Protein backbone atom coordinates (compact mmCIF):
# COMPACT_ATOMS: atom_id res chain seq x y z
CA MET A 1 32.20 107.35 -30.00
CA THR A 2 35.22 105.12 -29.40
CA ILE A 3 38.62 105.87 -30.89
CA GLN A 4 38.21 102.85 -33.17
CA GLU A 5 34.93 104.30 -34.46
CA LYS A 6 36.56 107.70 -35.00
CA ILE A 7 39.36 106.07 -37.01
CA GLY A 8 36.89 104.06 -39.07
CA SER A 9 34.66 107.05 -39.83
CA GLY A 10 37.46 109.50 -40.65
CA LYS A 11 37.13 111.70 -37.58
CA THR A 12 40.88 111.83 -37.05
CA TYR A 13 43.50 114.30 -38.30
CA LEU A 14 47.02 113.54 -39.47
CA GLY A 15 50.10 115.74 -39.37
CA ILE A 16 53.42 114.73 -40.95
CA GLU A 17 56.53 116.86 -40.41
CA PHE A 18 59.89 116.52 -42.18
CA GLY A 19 62.47 117.51 -39.56
CA SER A 20 66.21 117.63 -40.12
CA THR A 21 66.86 114.25 -38.49
CA ARG A 22 63.40 112.70 -38.24
CA ILE A 23 60.18 112.52 -40.23
CA LYS A 24 57.32 112.26 -37.75
CA ALA A 25 53.60 111.55 -38.13
CA VAL A 26 51.06 112.26 -35.39
CA LEU A 27 47.39 111.27 -35.50
CA ILE A 28 44.88 113.11 -33.31
CA ASP A 29 41.15 112.75 -32.73
CA ASP A 30 38.54 115.48 -32.36
CA THR A 31 39.69 116.16 -28.78
CA PHE A 32 43.09 117.09 -30.30
CA ALA A 33 44.90 114.49 -28.20
CA PRO A 34 47.53 112.35 -29.95
CA ILE A 35 46.26 108.79 -30.42
CA ALA A 36 49.06 107.32 -32.58
CA ALA A 37 52.44 108.20 -34.06
CA GLY A 38 55.13 106.97 -36.40
CA SER A 39 58.60 108.18 -37.34
CA HIS A 40 61.50 107.64 -39.69
CA ASP A 41 65.06 108.70 -38.87
CA TRP A 42 67.13 110.20 -41.65
CA GLU A 43 70.23 112.33 -42.21
CA ASN A 44 71.19 114.92 -44.78
CA ARG A 45 74.10 114.26 -47.14
CA TYR A 46 76.94 116.61 -48.05
CA GLU A 47 77.44 116.13 -51.78
CA ASN A 48 79.32 118.38 -54.19
CA GLY A 49 79.45 121.18 -51.66
CA VAL A 50 75.70 121.07 -50.89
CA TRP A 51 73.71 119.74 -47.92
CA THR A 52 70.87 117.72 -49.45
CA TYR A 53 68.40 114.84 -49.22
CA SER A 54 67.75 112.81 -52.38
CA LEU A 55 64.25 112.37 -53.81
CA ASP A 56 64.52 108.68 -52.93
CA ASP A 57 65.36 109.63 -49.33
CA ILE A 58 62.32 111.89 -49.23
CA ILE A 59 59.75 109.47 -50.68
CA GLU A 60 61.07 106.35 -48.93
CA GLY A 61 61.17 108.26 -45.64
CA LEU A 62 57.60 109.49 -46.11
CA ARG A 63 56.33 105.98 -46.85
CA ASP A 64 58.20 104.39 -43.95
CA CYS A 65 56.94 107.03 -41.54
CA TYR A 66 53.35 106.52 -42.70
CA ALA A 67 53.67 102.72 -42.55
CA LYS A 68 54.86 102.96 -38.95
CA LEU A 69 51.95 105.24 -38.08
CA SER A 70 49.51 102.73 -39.62
CA ALA A 71 51.19 99.90 -37.71
CA ASP A 72 50.89 101.88 -34.46
CA VAL A 73 47.16 102.42 -35.10
CA LYS A 74 46.70 98.70 -35.88
CA GLU A 75 48.58 97.63 -32.74
CA LYS A 76 46.65 99.99 -30.44
CA TYR A 77 43.17 99.85 -31.93
CA GLY A 78 43.00 96.80 -34.19
CA ILE A 79 42.16 98.84 -37.30
CA ILE A 80 44.11 100.27 -40.24
CA PRO A 81 43.11 103.81 -41.31
CA GLU A 82 41.51 104.10 -44.73
CA THR A 83 40.71 107.81 -44.52
CA TYR A 84 41.07 110.90 -42.34
CA GLY A 85 39.07 114.02 -41.62
CA ALA A 86 42.02 116.00 -42.96
CA MET A 87 45.80 115.86 -43.10
CA GLY A 88 48.70 118.24 -43.59
CA ILE A 89 52.41 118.30 -44.40
CA SER A 90 55.05 120.45 -42.74
CA GLY A 91 58.80 120.56 -43.06
CA MET A 92 62.06 122.28 -42.30
CA MET A 93 61.60 125.79 -43.65
CA HIS A 94 63.37 127.44 -46.55
CA GLY A 95 65.68 125.70 -48.95
CA TYR A 96 65.41 125.35 -52.72
CA MET A 97 63.77 122.81 -55.01
CA ALA A 98 63.68 123.87 -58.68
CA PHE A 99 61.59 122.03 -61.29
CA ASP A 100 61.17 122.17 -65.06
CA LYS A 101 57.86 122.16 -66.96
CA ASP A 102 57.72 118.35 -66.66
CA ASP A 103 58.18 118.52 -62.86
CA GLU A 104 61.69 117.10 -63.04
CA LEU A 105 64.00 118.25 -60.23
CA LEU A 106 66.74 120.29 -61.93
CA VAL A 107 69.37 120.28 -59.15
CA PRO A 108 69.58 118.39 -55.85
CA PHE A 109 67.43 119.83 -53.05
CA ARG A 110 69.40 122.59 -51.28
CA THR A 111 68.41 122.56 -47.61
CA TRP A 112 68.24 125.36 -45.04
CA ARG A 113 71.62 124.25 -43.70
CA ASN A 114 73.56 125.54 -46.71
CA THR A 115 75.41 128.85 -46.35
CA ILE A 116 76.26 129.32 -50.03
CA THR A 117 74.12 132.35 -50.84
CA GLU A 118 75.83 135.19 -48.95
CA GLU A 119 76.25 137.37 -52.07
CA ALA A 120 72.60 137.00 -53.08
CA ALA A 121 71.21 137.41 -49.56
CA SER A 122 73.23 140.59 -48.98
CA GLU A 123 72.27 142.11 -52.32
CA LEU A 124 68.56 141.35 -51.88
CA SER A 125 68.54 142.60 -48.28
CA GLU A 126 69.98 145.91 -49.43
CA LEU A 127 67.57 146.11 -52.39
CA PHE A 128 64.49 145.55 -50.22
CA LYS A 129 65.80 147.12 -46.98
CA PHE A 130 64.48 143.90 -45.46
CA ASN A 131 66.60 141.06 -44.10
CA ILE A 132 66.84 138.10 -46.50
CA PRO A 133 68.61 135.21 -44.72
CA GLN A 134 70.89 132.93 -46.70
CA ARG A 135 68.58 129.94 -46.19
CA TRP A 136 65.51 131.56 -47.83
CA SER A 137 64.38 130.14 -51.18
CA ILE A 138 64.66 133.47 -52.99
CA ALA A 139 68.29 133.82 -51.89
CA HIS A 140 69.04 130.37 -53.38
CA LEU A 141 67.29 131.25 -56.63
CA TYR A 142 69.07 134.57 -57.02
CA GLN A 143 72.45 133.05 -56.12
CA ALA A 144 71.94 130.45 -58.86
CA ILE A 145 71.20 133.30 -61.28
CA LEU A 146 74.36 135.16 -60.18
CA ASN A 147 76.33 131.93 -60.64
CA ASN A 148 74.91 131.53 -64.19
CA GLU A 149 73.92 127.97 -63.33
CA GLU A 150 72.80 125.90 -66.29
CA HIS A 151 69.42 124.96 -64.84
CA ILE A 152 68.16 128.56 -64.51
CA SER A 153 66.78 128.76 -68.05
CA LYS A 154 64.70 125.59 -67.48
CA ILE A 155 62.94 126.62 -64.24
CA ALA A 156 59.15 126.44 -64.36
CA HIS A 157 58.52 126.32 -60.59
CA ILE A 158 60.40 126.43 -57.31
CA ASN A 159 59.16 124.99 -54.03
CA THR A 160 60.04 123.99 -50.49
CA LEU A 161 60.14 120.43 -49.18
CA ALA A 162 56.69 120.68 -47.56
CA GLY A 163 55.27 122.34 -50.67
CA TYR A 164 56.75 119.61 -52.89
CA ILE A 165 55.25 116.75 -50.86
CA HIS A 166 51.87 118.55 -50.78
CA TYR A 167 52.02 118.87 -54.58
CA ARG A 168 52.88 115.18 -55.02
CA LEU A 169 49.91 114.19 -52.87
CA THR A 170 47.35 116.62 -54.31
CA GLY A 171 48.51 118.21 -57.55
CA ASP A 172 48.07 121.60 -55.84
CA ARG A 173 50.98 124.01 -56.01
CA SER A 174 50.17 126.08 -52.90
CA VAL A 175 51.83 126.63 -49.54
CA GLY A 176 50.71 128.11 -46.24
CA VAL A 177 51.58 131.74 -45.63
CA GLY A 178 54.03 130.86 -42.85
CA GLU A 179 55.91 128.54 -45.19
CA ALA A 180 55.73 131.16 -47.96
CA SER A 181 57.38 133.69 -45.65
CA GLY A 182 60.57 131.62 -45.88
CA ILE A 183 60.38 131.73 -49.67
CA PHE A 184 59.86 135.48 -50.21
CA PRO A 185 58.84 138.41 -47.94
CA ILE A 186 55.11 138.55 -47.15
CA GLU A 187 52.77 141.53 -46.90
CA ASN A 188 49.02 141.33 -46.24
CA GLY A 189 48.92 137.56 -46.61
CA THR A 190 50.77 137.26 -49.93
CA TYR A 191 54.15 138.01 -51.48
CA ASN A 192 55.19 141.65 -51.10
CA SER A 193 54.26 143.25 -54.45
CA LYS A 194 56.74 146.14 -54.15
CA TYR A 195 59.60 143.75 -53.56
CA LEU A 196 58.46 141.58 -56.48
CA GLU A 197 58.57 144.62 -58.76
CA LYS A 198 62.08 145.49 -57.56
CA LEU A 199 63.20 141.92 -58.08
CA ASP A 200 61.66 141.78 -61.56
CA ALA A 201 63.63 144.88 -62.57
CA LEU A 202 66.83 143.43 -61.13
CA LEU A 203 66.38 140.06 -62.84
CA LYS A 204 65.94 141.72 -66.22
CA THR A 205 69.47 143.10 -65.86
CA LYS A 206 70.67 139.53 -65.29
CA ASN A 207 69.06 138.19 -68.48
CA PHE A 208 66.61 136.05 -66.51
CA GLU A 209 63.63 135.36 -68.78
CA GLY A 210 61.24 133.73 -66.29
CA ASN A 211 58.37 135.49 -64.52
CA ILE A 212 59.05 135.41 -60.79
CA ARG A 213 55.31 135.45 -59.97
CA ASP A 214 54.73 132.32 -62.04
CA ILE A 215 57.68 130.51 -60.50
CA LEU A 216 56.65 130.88 -56.85
CA PRO A 217 53.94 128.68 -55.28
CA ALA A 218 50.56 130.26 -54.45
CA VAL A 219 49.97 131.43 -50.86
CA LEU A 220 47.10 130.34 -48.59
CA SER A 221 46.23 131.16 -44.98
CA ALA A 222 45.44 128.49 -42.38
CA GLY A 223 42.14 126.77 -43.13
CA GLU A 224 42.00 127.91 -46.76
CA GLY A 225 42.21 125.85 -49.94
CA ASP A 226 40.39 122.90 -51.44
CA ALA A 227 43.25 120.44 -52.07
CA VAL A 228 42.43 116.74 -51.68
CA LEU A 229 44.45 113.55 -51.79
CA THR A 230 44.51 112.23 -55.35
CA GLU A 231 44.56 108.56 -56.33
CA SER A 232 48.24 108.80 -57.25
CA GLY A 233 48.92 110.71 -54.03
CA ALA A 234 47.27 107.98 -51.95
CA LYS A 235 49.39 105.32 -53.66
CA LEU A 236 52.54 107.42 -53.16
CA LEU A 237 51.88 107.66 -49.42
CA ASP A 238 50.52 104.14 -48.91
CA PRO A 239 51.62 101.66 -51.60
CA THR A 240 49.46 98.94 -49.95
CA GLY A 241 46.36 100.65 -51.37
CA THR A 242 44.55 100.77 -48.02
CA LEU A 243 44.42 104.59 -47.93
CA LYS A 244 41.63 105.97 -50.07
CA PRO A 245 41.82 109.23 -52.10
CA GLY A 246 39.65 112.24 -51.32
CA VAL A 247 41.11 113.26 -47.94
CA LYS A 248 41.26 117.04 -47.49
CA LEU A 249 44.77 118.51 -47.20
CA CYS A 250 45.27 121.84 -45.47
CA PRO A 251 47.98 124.24 -46.71
CA PRO A 252 51.49 122.88 -46.06
CA GLU A 253 53.44 124.76 -43.41
CA GLY A 254 56.97 125.29 -42.14
CA ASP A 255 58.30 123.95 -38.86
CA ALA A 256 58.36 127.45 -37.35
CA GLY A 257 54.62 127.81 -37.95
CA THR A 258 53.76 124.40 -36.54
CA GLY A 259 55.86 125.20 -33.46
CA MET A 260 53.83 128.37 -32.94
CA VAL A 261 50.60 126.39 -33.19
CA ALA A 262 51.89 123.69 -30.83
CA THR A 263 52.63 126.34 -28.15
CA ASN A 264 49.53 128.51 -28.79
CA SER A 265 51.73 131.44 -29.80
CA VAL A 266 49.95 133.05 -32.76
CA LEU A 267 48.46 136.21 -31.21
CA PRO A 268 50.35 139.54 -31.28
CA LYS A 269 52.57 140.00 -28.20
CA THR A 270 52.91 136.22 -27.71
CA GLY A 271 55.92 134.13 -28.56
CA ASN A 272 57.76 130.90 -28.02
CA VAL A 273 61.33 129.88 -27.35
CA SER A 274 62.51 126.51 -28.63
CA ALA A 275 65.66 125.35 -26.90
CA GLY A 276 67.60 122.20 -27.74
CA THR A 277 70.80 121.85 -29.80
CA SER A 278 70.05 125.35 -31.09
CA ILE A 279 67.75 127.99 -29.64
CA PHE A 280 65.34 130.34 -31.35
CA ALA A 281 62.57 132.72 -30.39
CA MET A 282 59.46 133.62 -32.37
CA LEU A 283 57.66 136.82 -31.31
CA VAL A 284 54.37 137.79 -32.97
CA LEU A 285 54.55 141.51 -33.76
CA SER A 286 51.82 144.06 -33.09
CA LYS A 287 53.33 146.67 -35.44
CA PRO A 288 55.76 146.77 -38.40
CA PHE A 289 59.52 147.15 -37.97
CA PHE A 290 61.21 150.52 -38.36
CA GLY A 291 64.48 149.03 -39.59
CA TYR A 292 65.98 145.73 -40.65
CA TYR A 293 68.67 143.68 -38.96
CA PRO A 294 70.81 140.73 -40.07
CA GLU A 295 70.13 139.13 -36.66
CA ILE A 296 66.33 139.19 -37.09
CA ASP A 297 64.23 137.26 -39.62
CA VAL A 298 60.65 138.40 -40.26
CA VAL A 299 58.29 135.52 -41.07
CA THR A 300 54.59 134.96 -40.33
CA THR A 301 52.20 132.82 -38.33
CA PRO A 302 50.10 130.30 -40.27
CA ASP A 303 47.33 132.92 -40.43
CA GLY A 304 49.61 135.70 -41.69
CA SER A 305 50.63 137.80 -38.66
CA SER A 306 54.20 139.10 -38.79
CA VAL A 307 56.70 137.33 -36.57
CA ALA A 308 60.24 138.33 -35.56
CA MET A 309 62.56 135.34 -35.38
CA VAL A 310 65.89 135.31 -33.53
CA HIS A 311 67.85 132.14 -34.30
CA CYS A 312 71.05 131.09 -32.50
CA ASN A 313 73.17 128.10 -33.44
CA ASN A 314 74.25 127.07 -29.94
CA CYS A 315 72.24 126.14 -26.89
CA CYS A 316 72.49 122.87 -24.94
CA SER A 317 75.53 121.09 -26.39
CA GLU A 318 78.17 122.76 -24.18
CA LEU A 319 75.84 122.49 -21.19
CA ASP A 320 75.49 118.75 -21.87
CA ALA A 321 79.28 118.41 -22.10
CA TRP A 322 79.69 119.87 -18.60
CA VAL A 323 76.97 117.57 -17.24
CA ASN A 324 78.96 114.67 -18.68
CA VAL A 325 82.13 115.91 -16.93
CA PHE A 326 80.37 116.01 -13.56
CA GLY A 327 78.83 112.60 -14.28
CA GLU A 328 82.32 111.24 -14.97
CA PHE A 329 83.53 112.64 -11.65
CA ALA A 330 80.56 111.10 -9.82
CA ALA A 331 81.44 107.70 -11.31
CA LEU A 332 85.14 108.10 -10.37
CA SER A 333 84.13 108.86 -6.80
CA GLY A 334 82.27 105.58 -6.60
CA ASN A 335 78.86 107.29 -6.65
CA PRO A 336 77.56 107.06 -10.22
CA MET A 337 74.37 109.04 -10.80
CA ASP A 338 71.38 108.47 -13.03
CA ARG A 339 71.58 110.94 -15.92
CA SER A 340 68.23 112.62 -15.23
CA LYS A 341 69.14 112.93 -11.53
CA LEU A 342 72.48 114.47 -12.51
CA TYR A 343 70.76 117.13 -14.62
CA GLU A 344 68.23 117.86 -11.90
CA SER A 345 70.91 118.19 -9.21
CA LEU A 346 73.11 120.55 -11.22
CA TYR A 347 70.23 122.66 -12.55
CA LYS A 348 68.49 123.07 -9.20
CA ASN A 349 71.74 123.83 -7.41
CA ALA A 350 72.28 126.65 -9.94
CA LEU A 351 69.17 128.32 -8.51
CA THR A 352 71.15 128.85 -5.28
CA GLY A 353 73.92 130.75 -7.09
CA ASP A 354 74.36 134.53 -7.17
CA PRO A 355 72.02 136.28 -9.66
CA ASP A 356 75.07 137.60 -11.58
CA CYS A 357 76.90 134.23 -11.33
CA GLY A 358 79.46 135.79 -8.98
CA GLY A 359 81.43 137.34 -11.84
CA THR A 360 81.66 134.09 -13.85
CA VAL A 361 80.93 134.30 -17.59
CA ALA A 362 80.64 131.40 -20.05
CA TYR A 363 80.41 131.13 -23.85
CA ASN A 364 78.76 128.03 -25.33
CA PHE A 365 79.92 128.53 -28.93
CA LEU A 366 80.68 125.09 -30.34
CA SER A 367 79.98 126.60 -33.77
CA GLY A 368 79.88 130.16 -35.03
CA GLU A 369 77.23 132.44 -33.52
CA PRO A 370 76.31 135.24 -35.94
CA VAL A 371 73.95 136.95 -33.50
CA ALA A 372 76.91 137.50 -31.17
CA GLY A 373 79.34 138.28 -34.01
CA ALA A 374 81.32 135.06 -33.59
CA GLU A 375 82.41 133.56 -36.92
CA ASN A 376 83.75 130.36 -35.36
CA GLY A 377 83.04 128.48 -32.18
CA ARG A 378 85.28 128.17 -29.13
CA PRO A 379 83.60 127.26 -25.83
CA MET A 380 85.26 129.15 -22.98
CA TYR A 381 84.67 130.77 -19.62
CA PHE A 382 86.31 133.46 -17.51
CA ARG A 383 85.82 134.86 -14.02
CA THR A 384 86.83 137.98 -12.16
CA PRO A 385 89.61 137.44 -9.58
CA ASP A 386 87.48 138.85 -6.77
CA GLY A 387 84.32 136.99 -7.78
CA SER A 388 82.58 134.15 -5.99
CA PHE A 389 83.54 130.95 -7.79
CA ASN A 390 81.63 127.83 -6.83
CA LEU A 391 79.62 125.07 -8.51
CA ALA A 392 76.29 126.90 -8.32
CA ASN A 393 77.69 130.05 -9.92
CA PHE A 394 79.64 128.13 -12.56
CA PHE A 395 76.65 126.09 -13.64
CA ARG A 396 74.33 129.06 -13.47
CA ALA A 397 76.73 130.80 -15.89
CA GLN A 398 76.53 127.81 -18.21
CA LEU A 399 72.72 127.95 -18.14
CA TYR A 400 72.75 131.71 -18.73
CA SER A 401 75.17 131.13 -21.61
CA SER A 402 72.69 128.77 -23.30
CA MET A 403 70.31 131.73 -23.78
CA ALA A 404 72.72 134.71 -23.75
CA ALA A 405 73.09 135.07 -27.53
CA LEU A 406 69.30 134.89 -27.80
CA LYS A 407 69.10 137.72 -25.25
CA VAL A 408 71.46 139.82 -27.41
CA GLY A 409 69.19 139.38 -30.42
CA MET A 410 66.01 139.93 -28.42
CA ASP A 411 67.41 143.19 -27.02
CA ILE A 412 67.45 144.54 -30.58
CA LEU A 413 63.69 143.96 -30.66
CA PHE A 414 63.07 145.35 -27.19
CA GLU A 415 65.37 148.38 -27.37
CA ASN A 416 65.47 149.38 -31.05
CA GLU A 417 61.96 148.36 -32.12
CA LYS A 418 60.19 148.72 -28.75
CA VAL A 419 58.60 145.31 -29.21
CA SER A 420 56.48 144.31 -26.22
CA ILE A 421 55.68 140.77 -25.19
CA GLU A 422 53.01 139.53 -22.81
CA LYS A 423 53.50 135.76 -22.87
CA ILE A 424 56.34 133.45 -23.90
CA THR A 425 56.06 129.66 -23.98
CA GLY A 426 59.23 127.63 -23.68
CA HIS A 427 59.66 124.14 -25.09
CA GLY A 428 62.54 121.79 -25.77
CA GLY A 429 65.19 119.92 -23.82
CA LEU A 430 66.48 122.95 -21.90
CA PHE A 431 63.21 123.11 -19.98
CA LYS A 432 63.00 119.45 -18.92
CA VAL A 433 64.12 120.20 -15.36
CA GLN A 434 61.11 122.05 -14.04
CA GLY A 435 61.40 125.71 -13.11
CA VAL A 436 65.14 126.34 -13.64
CA ALA A 437 65.88 127.41 -17.25
CA GLN A 438 62.29 128.66 -17.30
CA GLN A 439 63.04 131.08 -14.42
CA PHE A 440 66.35 132.21 -15.92
CA LEU A 441 64.68 132.89 -19.28
CA ALA A 442 61.94 134.90 -17.54
CA ASP A 443 64.63 136.93 -15.74
CA GLY A 444 66.67 137.41 -18.93
CA LEU A 445 63.75 138.54 -21.07
CA ASN A 446 61.87 140.25 -18.22
CA SER A 447 58.72 138.42 -19.25
CA ALA A 448 56.46 135.68 -17.90
CA VAL A 449 57.47 132.28 -19.31
CA SER A 450 55.12 129.29 -19.48
CA VAL A 451 55.94 125.64 -20.08
CA MET A 452 53.22 123.18 -21.01
CA LYS A 453 52.82 120.43 -18.42
CA THR A 454 51.39 118.11 -21.07
CA ALA A 455 54.35 117.20 -23.25
CA GLY A 456 53.34 118.04 -26.81
CA GLU A 457 54.31 116.04 -29.85
CA GLY A 458 56.10 118.99 -31.44
CA GLY A 459 55.63 120.22 -34.97
CA ALA A 460 53.85 117.12 -36.30
CA TRP A 461 51.18 117.62 -33.61
CA GLY A 462 50.96 121.31 -34.55
CA MET A 463 50.45 120.28 -38.18
CA ALA A 464 47.69 117.85 -37.17
CA ILE A 465 46.02 120.74 -35.31
CA LEU A 466 46.14 122.84 -38.49
CA ALA A 467 44.57 119.95 -40.41
CA ALA A 468 41.80 119.73 -37.80
CA TYR A 469 41.30 123.50 -37.99
CA ALA A 470 40.63 123.22 -41.73
CA VAL A 471 37.59 121.03 -40.94
CA LEU A 472 36.54 122.00 -37.40
CA GLY A 473 37.34 125.74 -37.43
CA ASN A 474 33.73 126.69 -38.19
CA GLY A 475 34.65 130.24 -39.09
CA LYS A 476 36.72 130.88 -35.96
CA ALA A 477 40.00 132.76 -36.38
CA LEU A 478 43.02 130.53 -35.71
CA PRO A 479 43.92 132.21 -32.36
CA GLU A 480 40.34 131.79 -31.10
CA PHE A 481 40.24 128.15 -32.23
CA LEU A 482 43.49 127.38 -30.41
CA ASP A 483 42.48 129.24 -27.24
CA LYS A 484 38.94 127.91 -26.92
CA GLU A 485 39.12 124.49 -28.51
CA VAL A 486 42.65 123.11 -28.28
CA PHE A 487 44.37 124.66 -25.26
CA ALA A 488 41.41 125.54 -23.01
CA SER A 489 42.06 122.63 -20.64
CA MET A 490 45.77 122.10 -21.20
CA GLU A 491 47.85 122.52 -18.04
CA SER A 492 50.92 124.72 -17.96
CA SER A 493 53.20 126.26 -15.37
CA THR A 494 54.09 129.96 -15.52
CA VAL A 495 56.87 131.85 -13.75
CA GLN A 496 57.30 135.61 -13.46
CA PRO A 497 60.64 137.43 -13.70
CA ASP A 498 62.36 137.91 -10.35
CA GLU A 499 63.64 141.44 -9.71
CA LYS A 500 67.02 140.35 -8.34
CA GLY A 501 67.33 137.63 -10.97
CA ALA A 502 66.63 140.10 -13.79
CA ALA A 503 69.23 142.53 -12.43
CA GLY A 504 71.75 139.70 -12.12
CA PHE A 505 71.13 138.46 -15.65
CA ALA A 506 71.58 142.02 -16.95
CA ALA A 507 74.94 142.25 -15.14
CA PHE A 508 75.97 138.88 -16.59
CA ILE A 509 75.10 140.08 -20.10
CA GLU A 510 77.21 143.24 -19.66
CA ASN A 511 80.23 141.09 -18.72
CA TYR A 512 79.35 138.68 -21.55
CA LYS A 513 79.44 141.49 -24.13
CA LYS A 514 82.69 142.91 -22.74
CA GLY A 515 84.37 139.51 -23.00
CA LEU A 516 83.36 138.80 -26.59
CA ALA A 517 86.66 140.23 -27.87
CA ALA A 518 88.45 137.40 -26.06
CA GLU A 519 86.03 134.90 -27.61
CA TYR A 520 86.74 136.27 -31.10
CA ALA A 521 90.50 136.08 -30.45
CA ALA A 522 90.27 132.49 -29.19
CA ALA A 523 88.37 131.48 -32.33
CA LYS A 524 91.32 132.61 -34.47
């Protein structure tokens, strides 16, 4: 069957993901390979002390993204899609959208980026003995209750961005379990009943009359549910009327879950590290936590396994700044260098440096880094007077710095919780130069690190895979489906930790921790 025939007969699967700066759509066929894509760039707004996107931004962005996908299909294959085998929506996790009984948005969408719920997050974390990050939906709801905000008495439902779009397309008020885990803590595939009881008792003391269970969206695991695209949903997505109703929609998911799917990291003792402007690790747990830590979020995979998430605000930006400095010098010397060649030269030369960077330590904090205890950002470096200071060691320190705060958070998991990991997959800009950051991460975490040779399409591709799973899963568990159907023939490169490299990274981290006091002082 040709791709045109697959498109015409609905044997394709569509994923749409709302990222922070881009809405992206990816269409795949039944071989799970991307066959078309579309995107819409957008930016959040800072209005009245809140980071937000307007409803017009959301709907216009969705339509433009879909129109560009349809145009890409038409250009490549001479056909415009009228239906799909299935589709799914994903989005930036967490945040707060509150609606009244008539589905009117009561306050502007409060995104994950807002840090306005510290009081609520701290109080709930202590109540549950479970870390509730500021960006979680329940923290936003409880903070609004503490603030006595006018809209609280009118709330009929709350939702996330992905859950809201799914509802507009289908009339179904459900979310995937991974997305739900950024709304309220999850246990055994649904909201934790003990925590709900504790919250109910607390809310009664705050004169909150709503029923928390009725307010939250229902929870589904990957492949579950019977939502379909309604006539109004089809017109919302495609005002031209070409798209027909009746398409199956899988449960909407968060971007963390789609990233896990896109890197085949949903089995216990697997994980992925995403490294770009920020860096975060997702490790699928094989046993429950003993304690709770402000540095560690506990979410789930799209099929409900518990995941420890370490999120750091800073990764590649300071590294990129130093690459620019060396590029400027190259141009001044009369030998300008192609940007990709510049990165490759500096990265690969760092491999020749001393494993401990010769006593050089760098901090890449352009913004605050809570995992490392830094409230504000001040990039800096220091070196020991008797150390070996050269370009390889300096740049190796910068590369180590891009993942050092992550290492601090991961050590909590490894040392306090005895978490074990068998496979980590790296993805993102930090890994573009083959074998360098990948090796340093393997040394730092003392674990094998793989990088997919086939460049994936990110979270939108992961969402399309989840849509395909809803139709093609045939009773297979999600990990088995990914292993045997999606990733069986996908090439990847894997590196093992190097003994000397691991010892050197450990020495670097010791110096890094000792120097944090200077970093804190500089930030003042």
